Protein backbone atom coordinates (compact mmCIF):
# COMPACT_ATOMS: atom_id res chain seq x y z
CA MET A 1 94.05 60.66 26.87
CA ILE A 2 97.11 59.14 24.59
CA ARG A 3 98.60 60.62 21.75
CA GLN A 4 98.37 57.96 19.48
CA PRO A 5 94.85 56.35 20.10
CA ALA A 6 94.78 53.94 17.21
CA ALA A 7 97.02 52.30 19.26
CA LYS A 8 94.54 51.33 21.41
CA TYR A 9 91.22 51.61 20.03
CA THR A 10 90.74 50.57 16.41
CA ALA A 11 87.92 51.42 14.29
CA PHE A 12 84.78 49.26 13.91
CA PRO A 13 85.21 47.33 10.47
CA PRO A 14 82.31 48.46 7.91
CA VAL A 15 79.56 45.87 6.89
CA GLN A 16 80.22 44.53 3.07
CA LEU A 17 76.76 45.38 1.79
CA ALA A 18 76.03 45.05 -1.34
CA ASP A 19 72.93 47.30 -2.66
CA ARG A 20 72.30 48.69 0.65
CA GLN A 21 68.57 49.94 0.72
CA TRP A 22 68.08 51.73 3.95
CA PRO A 23 69.46 55.17 2.66
CA SER A 24 66.67 55.90 0.40
CA ARG A 25 64.08 54.80 2.77
CA VAL A 26 61.87 56.59 5.32
CA ILE A 27 59.80 55.84 8.21
CA ASP A 28 56.56 56.49 7.02
CA LYS A 29 54.58 54.17 9.97
CA PRO A 30 55.39 53.71 14.12
CA PRO A 31 57.21 50.90 15.19
CA VAL A 32 55.96 48.35 17.72
CA TRP A 33 57.23 50.38 20.70
CA MET A 34 58.57 48.56 24.15
CA SER A 35 59.12 50.09 26.92
CA THR A 36 61.89 49.20 29.26
CA ASP A 37 61.56 51.48 31.90
CA LEU A 38 60.70 49.49 35.01
CA ARG A 39 63.68 46.89 33.98
CA ASP A 40 66.70 48.42 32.09
CA GLY A 41 65.89 51.99 33.36
CA ASN A 42 65.03 50.76 36.78
CA GLN A 43 68.01 48.69 37.63
CA ALA A 44 69.85 51.91 36.10
CA LEU A 45 68.99 53.82 39.31
CA PHE A 46 70.78 54.85 42.28
CA GLU A 47 67.92 54.18 44.28
CA PRO A 48 65.90 51.62 42.46
CA MET A 49 61.66 52.52 42.26
CA ASN A 50 59.59 51.17 45.18
CA ALA A 51 56.58 48.95 43.98
CA ASP A 52 54.69 51.95 44.24
CA LYS A 53 56.88 54.33 41.74
CA LYS A 54 57.13 51.34 39.70
CA MET A 55 53.22 51.11 39.60
CA GLN A 56 52.68 54.82 39.13
CA MET A 57 55.03 54.49 36.38
CA PHE A 58 53.27 51.05 34.76
CA LYS A 59 49.79 52.94 34.72
CA MET A 60 51.53 56.28 33.13
CA LEU A 61 52.82 53.88 30.41
CA CYS A 62 49.72 52.27 29.98
CA ALA A 63 48.20 55.81 29.54
CA ILE A 64 50.26 56.85 27.00
CA GLY A 65 49.82 54.01 24.93
CA PHE A 66 52.36 51.29 25.13
CA LYS A 67 51.16 47.85 24.60
CA GLU A 68 54.51 46.02 25.28
CA ILE A 69 56.07 46.94 28.54
CA GLU A 70 59.02 45.20 30.34
CA VAL A 71 58.13 45.48 33.94
CA ALA A 72 61.17 42.87 35.60
CA PHE A 73 63.44 40.35 35.52
CA PRO A 74 61.46 38.89 38.01
CA SER A 75 64.18 35.78 38.93
CA ALA A 76 66.74 38.18 40.17
CA SER A 77 64.75 38.92 43.65
CA GLU A 78 61.99 38.71 45.41
CA THR A 79 61.01 42.55 44.92
CA GLU A 80 61.12 42.00 41.17
CA PHE A 81 58.86 39.00 41.38
CA GLY A 82 56.70 40.16 44.03
CA PHE A 83 55.79 43.25 41.56
CA VAL A 84 54.78 40.74 38.63
CA ARG A 85 52.63 38.93 40.84
CA SER A 86 51.24 42.31 41.98
CA LEU A 87 50.00 43.39 38.61
CA ILE A 88 48.51 40.24 37.77
CA GLU A 89 46.84 39.20 40.90
CA GLY A 90 45.66 42.81 41.32
CA GLY A 91 43.92 43.02 37.85
CA HIS A 92 46.75 46.06 36.87
CA ILE A 93 47.16 44.81 33.30
CA PRO A 94 44.80 46.03 30.57
CA ASP A 95 43.60 43.32 28.29
CA ASP A 96 45.44 44.87 25.33
CA VAL A 97 48.95 45.44 27.00
CA SER A 98 51.57 42.46 26.85
CA ILE A 99 53.78 42.74 30.01
CA GLU A 100 57.23 41.30 29.21
CA VAL A 101 60.02 39.72 31.78
CA LEU A 102 63.58 39.23 31.08
CA THR A 103 65.34 36.42 31.89
CA GLN A 104 69.18 34.83 31.18
CA ALA A 105 69.24 31.36 29.62
CA ARG A 106 69.60 29.17 32.57
CA GLU A 107 67.12 26.51 33.71
CA HIS A 108 65.99 27.64 37.05
CA LEU A 109 65.80 31.33 36.52
CA ILE A 110 63.51 30.13 33.47
CA ARG A 111 61.50 28.04 35.86
CA ARG A 112 61.21 31.19 38.31
CA THR A 113 60.19 33.24 35.65
CA PHE A 114 57.29 31.43 34.52
CA GLU A 115 56.19 31.18 38.31
CA SER A 116 55.69 34.80 38.23
CA LEU A 117 53.66 34.89 35.43
CA LYS A 118 50.79 32.28 36.45
CA GLY A 119 47.59 33.86 35.67
CA ALA A 120 48.72 36.56 33.12
CA ARG A 121 46.48 36.80 29.87
CA LYS A 122 49.54 37.41 27.57
CA ALA A 123 53.06 37.87 28.37
CA ILE A 124 56.60 38.11 26.15
CA VAL A 125 59.43 36.13 27.92
CA HIS A 126 62.67 37.78 26.93
CA VAL A 127 65.82 35.62 27.13
CA TYR A 128 69.14 36.15 26.25
CA ASN A 129 72.94 34.94 26.22
CA ALA A 130 76.34 36.28 25.33
CA THR A 131 77.07 35.78 21.54
CA CYS A 132 80.11 37.79 21.16
CA PRO A 133 83.74 36.98 20.84
CA THR A 134 84.69 39.11 24.06
CA PHE A 135 82.27 37.29 25.91
CA ARG A 136 82.73 33.78 24.37
CA ASP A 137 86.42 33.85 24.84
CA THR A 138 87.10 35.98 27.88
CA VAL A 139 83.92 35.55 30.30
CA PHE A 140 82.58 32.23 29.53
CA ASN A 141 85.13 30.24 27.72
CA MET A 142 82.47 28.62 25.33
CA SER A 143 82.85 27.44 21.47
CA LYS A 144 80.15 28.69 19.26
CA ALA A 145 78.52 25.56 19.35
CA GLU A 146 77.89 25.72 23.07
CA VAL A 147 76.48 29.02 22.78
CA VAL A 148 74.16 27.70 20.26
CA GLN A 149 73.22 25.04 22.16
CA MET A 150 72.43 27.22 25.24
CA ALA A 151 70.23 29.25 23.58
CA VAL A 152 68.38 26.09 21.93
CA ASP A 153 68.02 24.68 25.44
CA ALA A 154 66.60 27.84 26.79
CA VAL A 155 63.85 27.84 24.03
CA LYS A 156 63.06 24.54 24.02
CA LEU A 157 62.56 25.01 27.87
CA ILE A 158 60.13 28.04 27.25
CA LYS A 159 58.34 26.11 24.79
CA ALA A 160 57.70 23.56 26.95
CA GLN A 161 56.61 25.89 30.12
CA ALA A 162 54.68 27.74 27.89
CA GLU A 163 52.43 24.53 26.52
CA ALA A 164 51.99 23.59 30.29
CA MET A 165 50.54 27.18 30.76
CA PRO A 166 47.81 27.03 27.97
CA GLU A 167 46.01 30.21 29.60
CA THR A 168 48.45 32.46 28.95
CA GLU A 169 49.51 33.53 25.51
CA ILE A 170 53.31 33.51 25.32
CA THR A 171 55.84 35.27 22.86
CA LEU A 172 59.06 34.31 22.52
CA GLU A 173 61.88 37.34 22.71
CA TYR A 174 65.41 36.19 21.96
CA SER A 175 68.59 38.48 22.51
CA PRO A 176 71.86 37.63 21.42
CA GLU A 177 74.17 39.72 23.75
CA LEU A 178 76.29 42.51 22.28
CA PHE A 179 74.68 41.80 18.88
CA THR A 180 76.64 44.62 17.60
CA ALA A 181 79.66 43.27 18.47
CA THR A 182 78.94 39.40 17.28
CA GLU A 183 80.04 38.03 13.55
CA LEU A 184 77.15 38.48 11.62
CA ASP A 185 77.20 35.03 10.30
CA PHE A 186 77.13 33.75 13.72
CA ALA A 187 74.39 36.19 15.08
CA LYS A 188 72.06 34.68 12.30
CA GLU A 189 73.14 31.14 13.07
CA VAL A 190 72.04 31.75 16.54
CA CYS A 191 69.08 33.37 15.60
CA ASP A 192 68.22 30.88 13.23
CA ALA A 193 68.28 28.04 15.60
CA VAL A 194 66.07 29.90 17.96
CA THR A 195 63.37 30.18 15.51
CA GLU A 196 63.46 27.00 14.54
CA ALA A 197 63.61 25.27 17.87
CA TRP A 198 60.39 27.43 18.94
CA GLY A 199 58.49 26.73 15.64
CA ALA A 200 58.10 30.25 14.42
CA THR A 201 55.32 30.88 11.64
CA PRO A 202 53.72 33.90 10.57
CA GLN A 203 50.96 33.60 13.26
CA ARG A 204 53.10 32.52 15.66
CA LYS A 205 56.31 35.06 15.67
CA VAL A 206 59.70 35.52 17.72
CA ILE A 207 60.66 38.54 18.51
CA LEU A 208 64.23 39.00 17.67
CA ASN A 209 65.97 41.67 19.62
CA LEU A 210 69.11 43.18 17.94
CA PRO A 211 70.85 45.23 20.24
CA THR A 212 73.43 47.75 20.61
CA THR A 213 74.31 46.45 24.31
CA VAL A 214 77.09 49.03 24.12
CA GLU A 215 77.46 51.24 21.19
CA ILE A 216 80.35 50.80 19.83
CA ALA A 217 79.95 52.23 15.82
CA THR A 218 78.57 54.55 14.02
CA PRO A 219 74.60 54.37 13.35
CA ASN A 220 75.06 53.94 9.66
CA ILE A 221 77.38 50.39 10.54
CA TYR A 222 74.23 49.27 12.99
CA ALA A 223 71.70 49.92 9.98
CA ASP A 224 73.83 48.13 7.55
CA GLN A 225 74.29 44.99 10.38
CA ILE A 226 69.91 45.00 10.78
CA GLU A 227 69.30 45.16 7.03
CA TRP A 228 71.99 42.48 6.48
CA MET A 229 70.11 40.40 9.63
CA HIS A 230 66.63 41.60 7.30
CA LYS A 231 67.93 39.81 4.19
CA ASN A 232 69.16 36.80 5.31
CA LEU A 233 67.39 35.40 8.24
CA ALA A 234 65.65 32.46 7.48
CA ARG A 235 61.74 32.62 8.54
CA ARG A 236 61.89 36.31 8.10
CA ASP A 237 57.92 36.14 7.61
CA SER A 238 57.97 34.77 11.27
CA VAL A 239 60.26 37.48 12.93
CA ILE A 240 59.62 40.58 14.24
CA ILE A 241 63.22 42.22 14.28
CA SER A 242 63.48 44.39 17.29
CA LEU A 243 66.14 47.17 18.15
CA HIS A 244 67.35 47.99 21.71
CA PRO A 245 69.86 50.73 21.43
CA HIS A 246 72.25 52.26 24.10
CA ASN A 247 73.65 55.51 24.08
CA ASP A 248 77.49 55.30 24.54
CA ARG A 249 78.25 57.23 21.51
CA GLY A 250 75.27 59.89 21.91
CA THR A 251 73.61 57.76 18.83
CA ALA A 252 71.21 55.85 19.97
CA VAL A 253 68.20 57.81 18.36
CA ALA A 254 69.80 57.95 14.85
CA ALA A 255 70.92 54.18 15.32
CA ALA A 256 66.94 53.53 16.22
CA GLU A 257 66.01 55.75 12.97
CA LEU A 258 68.33 54.23 10.61
CA GLY A 259 67.81 50.64 11.90
CA LEU A 260 63.77 51.34 11.21
CA MET A 261 64.84 52.03 8.00
CA ALA A 262 66.75 49.28 7.55
CA GLY A 263 64.02 46.62 8.43
CA ALA A 264 63.38 46.81 11.59
CA ASP A 265 59.69 46.34 13.24
CA ARG A 266 60.41 47.30 16.73
CA VAL A 267 61.94 49.53 19.19
CA GLU A 268 62.75 48.80 22.95
CA GLY A 269 64.01 51.72 25.50
CA CYS A 270 63.07 54.24 27.76
CA LEU A 271 61.27 57.63 27.95
CA PHE A 272 63.78 60.34 28.28
CA GLY A 273 66.71 58.01 27.47
CA ASN A 274 67.20 56.36 31.29
CA GLY A 275 69.08 53.23 31.42
CA GLU A 276 72.44 51.62 31.95
CA ARG A 277 75.40 53.51 31.73
CA THR A 278 74.36 56.74 29.17
CA GLY A 279 70.93 54.99 29.15
CA ASN A 280 68.96 53.45 26.44
CA VAL A 281 67.34 55.32 23.26
CA ASP A 282 64.93 58.00 24.17
CA LEU A 283 61.49 56.86 23.14
CA VAL A 284 59.82 60.45 23.78
CA THR A 285 62.62 61.57 21.26
CA LEU A 286 61.93 59.11 18.60
CA ALA A 287 57.97 58.97 18.99
CA LEU A 288 57.89 62.96 18.67
CA ASN A 289 60.66 63.29 15.89
CA LEU A 290 57.94 60.84 13.62
CA TYR A 291 55.16 63.43 14.75
CA SER A 292 57.50 66.25 13.85
CA GLN A 293 57.25 64.24 10.15
CA GLY A 294 53.50 63.96 10.16
CA VAL A 295 53.50 60.47 11.27
CA ASP A 296 51.09 59.83 14.38
CA PRO A 297 53.50 57.53 16.58
CA GLU A 298 50.54 55.97 18.38
CA LEU A 299 51.78 57.41 21.59
CA ASP A 300 49.87 60.30 23.44
CA PHE A 301 52.53 62.93 24.48
CA SER A 302 49.56 65.91 24.79
CA HIS A 303 50.80 66.60 28.06
CA ILE A 304 54.43 66.24 28.03
CA ASN A 305 55.20 68.38 31.29
CA ASP A 306 52.76 65.57 33.03
CA VAL A 307 54.57 62.50 31.80
CA ALA A 308 58.11 64.54 33.00
CA ARG A 309 57.36 65.34 36.11
CA THR A 310 56.00 61.82 36.79
CA CYS A 311 59.49 60.30 35.45
CA GLU A 312 61.55 62.95 37.73
CA ASP A 313 59.32 62.14 40.83
CA CYS A 314 59.90 58.11 40.35
CA THR A 315 63.31 57.83 39.18
CA GLN A 316 64.37 61.20 41.29
CA LEU A 317 66.37 62.07 37.48
CA PRO A 318 65.91 65.49 36.50
CA VAL A 319 64.92 66.12 32.76
CA HIS A 320 67.37 68.10 31.31
CA PRO A 321 66.35 71.93 30.48
CA ARG A 322 67.52 71.33 27.03
CA HIS A 323 66.11 67.65 26.24
CA PRO A 324 64.36 67.53 22.88
CA TYR A 325 60.78 68.60 22.95
CA VAL A 326 60.16 68.32 26.47
CA GLY A 327 63.04 70.32 28.51
CA ASP A 328 62.13 73.91 30.32
CA LEU A 329 63.86 75.85 27.91
CA VAL A 330 63.13 74.29 24.00
CA PHE A 331 60.28 76.68 23.47
CA THR A 332 62.62 79.53 24.58
CA ALA A 333 64.22 82.15 23.03
CA PHE A 334 66.78 84.21 23.83
CA SER A 335 68.53 85.95 20.72
CA GLY A 336 66.67 89.14 19.88
CA SER A 337 66.58 88.12 16.21
CA HIS A 338 65.02 84.65 16.97
CA GLN A 339 62.79 86.51 19.37
CA ASP A 340 61.40 88.72 16.65
CA ALA A 341 61.57 85.64 14.04
CA ILE A 342 59.27 83.57 16.29
CA LYS A 343 56.99 86.79 17.05
CA LYS A 344 56.17 87.45 13.56
CA GLY A 345 55.62 83.57 12.61
CA PHE A 346 52.74 83.90 15.02
CA ALA A 347 51.25 86.90 13.32
CA VAL A 348 51.08 84.82 10.32
CA GLN A 349 50.47 81.39 11.16
CA LYS A 350 47.00 80.07 10.71
CA PRO A 351 45.69 77.63 12.85
CA ASP A 352 44.77 75.20 9.78
CA ALA A 353 47.58 75.58 7.84
CA LEU A 354 50.77 73.78 7.53
CA TRP A 355 53.23 74.43 10.79
CA GLU A 356 55.62 77.04 9.54
CA MET A 357 57.30 78.57 12.25
CA PRO A 358 60.66 80.08 12.52
CA TYR A 359 63.08 78.11 15.47
CA LEU A 360 59.87 75.70 16.37
CA PRO A 361 59.66 71.99 14.64
CA ILE A 362 56.57 71.41 16.45
CA ASP A 363 53.88 73.71 17.86
CA PRO A 364 54.40 73.71 21.53
CA ALA A 365 50.46 73.23 22.19
CA ASP A 366 50.38 69.96 20.82
CA VAL A 367 52.54 68.90 23.77
CA GLY A 368 50.88 70.72 26.24
CA ARG A 369 53.33 73.75 26.54
CA THR A 370 52.02 77.24 26.35
CA TYR A 371 53.52 80.06 24.73
CA ASP A 372 54.01 82.05 27.91
CA SER A 373 57.72 81.08 27.86
CA ILE A 374 58.56 81.32 24.04
CA ILE A 375 60.12 84.96 24.40
CA ARG A 376 62.56 85.24 27.19
CA VAL A 377 64.87 88.03 28.60
CA ASN A 378 67.86 87.63 29.96
CA SER A 379 71.37 89.77 30.57
CA GLN A 380 72.21 88.81 27.12
CA SER A 381 69.20 91.05 25.71
CA GLY A 382 69.32 93.93 28.23
CA LYS A 383 66.23 93.35 29.76
CA GLY A 384 68.44 92.17 33.18
CA GLY A 385 68.78 89.23 35.31
CA ILE A 386 65.77 88.48 36.52
CA ALA A 387 66.47 86.02 38.84
CA TYR A 388 69.29 87.68 40.12
CA LEU A 389 67.73 90.81 40.75
CA LEU A 390 65.06 88.78 42.70
CA GLU A 391 67.54 86.66 45.10
CA SER A 392 69.94 89.54 45.74
CA GLY A 393 67.62 92.12 46.56
CA TYR A 394 64.81 90.42 48.01
CA GLY A 395 65.91 86.68 48.81
CA VAL A 396 63.49 84.97 46.20
CA ALA A 397 65.38 82.08 44.71
CA MET A 398 62.60 80.90 41.90
CA PRO A 399 62.65 77.42 41.08
CA ARG A 400 63.87 77.33 37.58
CA ARG A 401 60.47 76.73 35.59
CA LEU A 402 59.33 79.72 37.75
CA GLN A 403 62.00 81.59 36.35
CA VAL A 404 60.72 80.82 32.89
CA GLU A 405 57.17 81.64 33.71
CA PHE A 406 57.74 84.95 35.16
CA SER A 407 60.11 86.35 32.54
CA SER A 408 57.51 86.56 30.08
CA THR A 409 55.36 88.57 32.40
CA VAL A 410 58.34 90.80 33.14
CA GLN A 411 59.10 90.84 29.25
CA GLN A 412 55.21 92.41 28.95
CA LEU A 413 55.83 94.73 31.46
CA THR A 414 59.30 96.09 29.68
CA ASP A 415 57.58 95.85 26.38
CA GLU A 416 54.51 98.00 27.52
CA SER A 417 56.44 100.73 29.43
CA GLY A 418 59.35 101.16 26.56
CA ARG A 419 62.06 100.71 29.18
CA GLU A 420 63.98 98.62 31.52
CA ALA A 421 62.43 96.98 34.54
CA THR A 422 64.44 97.67 37.98
CA GLY A 423 64.75 95.41 41.03
CA ALA A 424 61.87 97.26 42.50
CA ASP A 425 59.53 96.89 39.32
CA ILE A 426 60.61 93.16 39.23
CA TRP A 427 59.64 92.79 43.07
CA ALA A 428 56.16 94.66 42.60
CA LEU A 429 55.24 92.71 39.62
CA PHE A 430 56.04 89.33 41.63
CA GLN A 431 54.09 90.23 44.40
CA GLN A 432 51.19 91.45 42.14
CA THR A 433 51.18 88.04 40.09
CA TYR A 434 51.65 85.55 42.48
CA LEU A 435 51.28 87.26 46.03
CA ARG A 436 48.31 89.33 46.11
CA GLY A 437 45.49 87.21 47.03
CA ASP A 438 42.47 88.57 45.42
CA GLY A 439 42.28 84.84 43.29
CA ALA A 440 38.78 83.17 43.11
CA ILE A 441 39.57 81.31 46.23
CA GLY A 442 40.71 83.46 49.22
CA TYR A 443 42.77 81.42 52.13
CA VAL A 444 41.21 82.51 55.76
CA ALA A 445 42.49 79.59 58.12
CA HIS A 446 43.45 76.04 58.54
CA ARG A 447 43.44 73.31 61.30
CA LEU A 448 46.12 70.34 60.88
CA THR A 449 46.12 67.14 62.92
CA GLU A 450 47.87 63.70 62.71
CA ARG A 451 45.83 61.07 62.84
CA ASP A 452 46.45 57.65 64.55
CA ASP A 453 47.56 55.72 60.97
CA GLY A 454 50.28 58.60 60.56
CA SER A 455 48.21 60.61 58.01
CA GLN A 456 47.49 64.05 57.98
CA HIS A 457 43.71 65.68 58.26
CA ILE A 458 42.91 69.46 57.27
CA ARG A 459 40.07 71.64 58.23
CA LEU A 460 40.68 74.40 55.40
CA VAL A 461 38.42 78.02 55.58
CA VAL A 462 37.98 79.11 52.54
CA ASN A 463 36.62 82.73 50.93
CA ILE A 464 34.54 82.08 47.69
CA ASP A 465 32.21 84.72 46.29
CA ASP A 466 32.59 86.47 49.56
CA HIS A 467 31.13 83.19 51.72
CA GLU A 468 33.40 80.98 53.66
CA HIS A 469 33.23 77.26 53.10
CA ILE A 470 35.20 74.71 55.22
CA CYS A 471 36.81 72.07 52.90
CA GLU A 472 38.11 68.83 54.93
CA GLY A 473 40.59 66.28 53.30
CA SER A 474 43.28 63.65 54.52
CA GLY A 475 46.56 62.47 52.98
CA ASN A 476 49.53 61.19 53.36
CA GLY A 477 51.07 64.74 54.34
CA PRO A 478 49.77 68.03 54.40
CA LEU A 479 50.22 68.75 50.75
CA ASP A 480 48.42 65.71 49.37
CA ALA A 481 45.63 66.34 52.55
CA LEU A 482 45.13 70.05 51.39
CA VAL A 483 44.54 68.97 47.27
CA HIS A 484 42.00 66.26 48.90
CA ALA A 485 40.45 69.03 50.61
CA LEU A 486 40.36 71.49 47.82
CA SER A 487 38.86 69.15 45.70
CA HIS A 488 35.45 69.90 47.34
CA VAL A 489 35.11 73.12 46.01
CA LEU A 490 36.92 72.58 42.17
CA ALA A 491 35.29 70.81 39.46
CA ALA A 492 38.56 69.43 38.14
CA PRO A 493 41.21 67.61 40.03
CA VAL A 494 44.50 69.32 40.37
CA SER A 495 47.91 68.01 40.98
CA ILE A 496 51.14 69.21 42.14
CA HIS A 497 53.94 68.62 39.46
CA HIS A 498 56.91 70.13 41.87
CA TYR A 499 57.29 71.87 45.48
CA GLU A 500 59.90 73.59 47.18
CA GLU A 501 60.30 75.53 50.09
CA ARG A 502 63.09 77.73 51.82
CA ALA A 503 63.86 80.86 54.11
CA LEU A 504 62.88 84.15 52.73
CA GLY A 505 65.98 86.01 54.29
CA GLN A 506 68.29 85.04 57.40
CA GLY A 507 67.63 84.09 61.10
CA ALA A 508 65.06 82.88 63.25
CA ASN A 509 62.14 85.18 62.47
CA ALA A 510 62.77 85.14 58.64
CA ASP A 511 59.50 84.47 56.81
CA ALA A 512 59.04 80.92 55.02
CA ILE A 513 58.37 80.91 51.09
CA ALA A 514 56.67 78.21 49.08
CA PHE A 515 56.51 77.43 45.43
CA ALA A 516 54.16 74.98 44.26
CA GLU A 517 53.67 73.90 40.56
CA MET A 518 50.00 73.27 40.05
CA ALA A 519 48.10 71.49 37.21
CA ALA A 520 44.65 70.39 36.22
CA PRO A 521 43.28 68.44 33.29
CA GLY A 522 42.41 70.51 30.23
CA VAL A 523 44.26 73.37 31.17
CA ALA A 524 47.58 73.71 29.20
CA GLY A 525 50.53 73.60 30.41
CA SER A 526 51.31 74.38 34.56
CA VAL A 527 51.45 77.03 36.95
CA PHE A 528 53.34 78.28 39.81
CA GLY A 529 51.71 79.39 42.89
CA VAL A 530 53.76 80.99 45.57
CA GLY A 531 52.97 81.69 49.44
CA VAL A 532 54.93 83.54 51.91
CA ASP A 533 54.51 83.37 55.88
CA ALA A 534 55.89 83.21 58.93
CA ASN A 535 54.78 79.77 59.32
CA LEU A 536 55.70 77.12 56.85
CA THR A 537 52.73 75.14 56.35
CA THR A 538 50.86 78.32 55.77
CA ALA A 539 52.88 79.57 53.40
CA SER A 540 52.82 75.88 51.59
CA ILE A 541 48.76 76.17 51.95
CA ARG A 542 49.05 79.76 50.46
CA ALA A 543 51.41 78.28 47.60
CA VAL A 544 49.28 75.54 46.26
CA VAL A 545 45.75 78.04 46.53
CA GLY A 546 47.98 80.56 44.44
CA GLY A 547 48.59 77.87 42.05
CA VAL A 548 44.74 76.75 41.99
CA ASN A 549 43.48 80.61 41.40
CA ARG A 550 46.21 81.03 38.52
CA LEU A 551 44.83 77.84 36.86
CA ILE A 552 41.44 78.72 37.14
CA ALA A 553 41.98 82.22 35.76
CA ARG A 554 43.66 80.27 32.95
CA ALA A 555 40.60 77.70 32.50
CA GLY A 556 37.80 79.82 33.59
CA ASP A 557 35.21 79.72 36.63
CA GLY A 558 33.77 76.46 35.17
CA MET A 559 36.69 74.65 37.23
CA LEU A 560 34.81 75.85 40.86
CA ARG A 561 32.13 73.93 42.15
CA ARG A 562 29.99 76.36 43.91
CA GLY A 563 27.74 75.47 46.79
CA SER A 564 29.30 71.83 47.64
CA ALA A 565 31.58 72.66 50.63
CA GLN A 566 29.99 73.15 53.80
CA ALA A 567 29.19 76.58 54.96
CA ALA A 568 31.53 77.60 57.51
CA VAL A 569 29.93 78.71 61.02
CA ALA A 570 30.66 82.88 61.63
């Protein structure tokens, strides 16, 4: 870093906006949400999602409640083009969902984009071109008039292509790239030319997306820019102002909230802030911020753990443990005074009353979290380093979320005994909690085979109510086959959110230990199962069965489907 940064960097000039209104406004309704997880989010991944992962993500976004989803840049590659076709031809797009596709303002790319959309019920075609001085002068060597003409020509072509495809309802979206670095009067000029070329009306609105392609100023300046456009755009009643904040300065959420206060109607972003460089605005945080203020975001994050684990699986990016609302530690108190305040808050909180809880801005139960991990011990509170003692003394290196889960059990032990727990105490409690094998379903034996198509088949023998049952299942791996096999004795499907395995000790004769994080519909939160065995596959089966047993203990025996599996031959 240089000692005089002003010699190299200059502050962004403030907007001369008389009588700005946004500081006194509140957000009292949700914006139109647009997820760009499958486009902006995907292109930012070290390993972009394959078609199966993109489809998994798409279906989850639909289940959450997104009605507009940017699915691809179809002219960029055959992979992107093929994914759009698979969505349309496979009938995967709900009737109330519009897919969105991105294209540059170039004729051959626009035509290729429309080829990808054939047969779609409705779609948003998102076109952009660079408008700011740096790109006009340095990158493309174009005049303002040439930039405007480029945008208008693209829009006219899109209009003609849309008219030639009457079976598809086409909405136009236009983005002046690096809007925040573009002179406001010129941004207005380009946008007005676009809406005129399209023939925008209140019945056929244009989405004008005003992005912080790179976040270069404080959120209040972005709000001023949005309010200026909101007040000065021609045909404002025929325009949807959209925000696309990036997080280069770490203030994307604030920029989006202030932009909505300034007159915007729509927000583009990604779950958990994925996207180019520092990411797009985090739609989960935005939505739950609204929820915490009593506004229905019209997105359903009732099972936020499921959403987080799916995103982690699809993107191979971890959700930070301190991430607002969803991180593993956000409903955890380390400080003794915090723990005491939370306990007292729960003691007086009424189920039908306004939420007034120390240190907890929302009820964890509203997002499918449990209270089990709210009070946690660590070395700071004098109750011992649980994870350290188990790993150093017994070779058990617990996954982070299991540490959170198990710590509440240790907390209960120390509270009831009134003394500190030793390493031996913690190990005994760990065995009792996870390894005793006395749940509703008892593991007896299994046989695993591989079929000619590469799939795995399992023949699983379990004990339920002192009767042996044979369950069989197939899948793309042992765990997938196991879950399908267990479905014969379960009334509700279970899923494996996370799985880890490692050696328990050192040497060729060391046992294997497996950890499986399990969840089921209608059961709050997730639970862990742990399995130990000389055989790794057996350890993994014991872990899954143990997790299922703990789900049953939480949900009740109604999860068991008795009498439906084949009786085993003695």
